[in-house]
Each structure stands twice: as structure tokens, then as C-alpha cells.
Amino acid sequence: MPITETAELNKRLTFFMEVPGKGPHNNPVKKRENKYSCFCALKKKFIKDLATDIGTKFEDTTTFVIRENQKEVPENDWKIAFKNKGIEQFYDIVTINPDVDDECFMVIIAKKVK
């Protein structure tokens, strides 16, 4: 499913970083520092794609498509928070593919945190 119009970006995601902080008893914890939110689309995977991903770093990944021009360029050490059917899920970014030709849409492949 190629994304060709911005109207297809109808879901919302939030990029964030985990930064060190202090817990209630002064114990070290990781705190969430939101970078920004933007609209996205999820790219569907076909069965042949699922079969070729088995045993690779792309197994159990989700492909997010966002607009190329954002407040900041996402970084590989950031994480993604995405609400699916009312449940917030978290993802580690595997790879970021910018659109170097048209500068319209960026593709981000991320793996769900278990």
C-alpha cells in the first residue's frame, strides 16, 4: 500500500526518549521525555513479506509512514508510543528510511517492545 496523500496519515504516534531519573525512594528509574507527536499511517504487510521476515531483525516489526518534514528528524535511539484500539503500545526503532527523492514521506520500521 503506497502512501500517496497526506489524508492517509490518519493515526497519531509520539516519539520519545527514555532518560535517567529518580523514583519515589531516590532509586534510579527511566523516565519518558516526549519529543513530539505527528500523524502517521501503518503500512500493511502481505503474507509473502511476513514469510521473508522470519528469522531476521524485521520479524514482528511494524512500518510507520510519516511526513518527511517534522519538527525534528527522528533518531534511532528514540522510541515510539502508538495507541492501537485504545491500548498504548511501545516500539523500538529498527531503521529510518527518509524520502531522499521527493521529500514527502519517511518510513520508520519499528519492533514492538515486549
Foldseek 3Di string as FASTA:
>chain_A
DDDDDPVQQAFKKWKWAWDWDADPVRHIDTDTDTDGMFGWHKDDDDPVRQVVCPPHPLHQKTKIKGFLDDPDDDDQNIKMWGADPNRTWIWHWDDKAADPPPSTMIITITHTDD
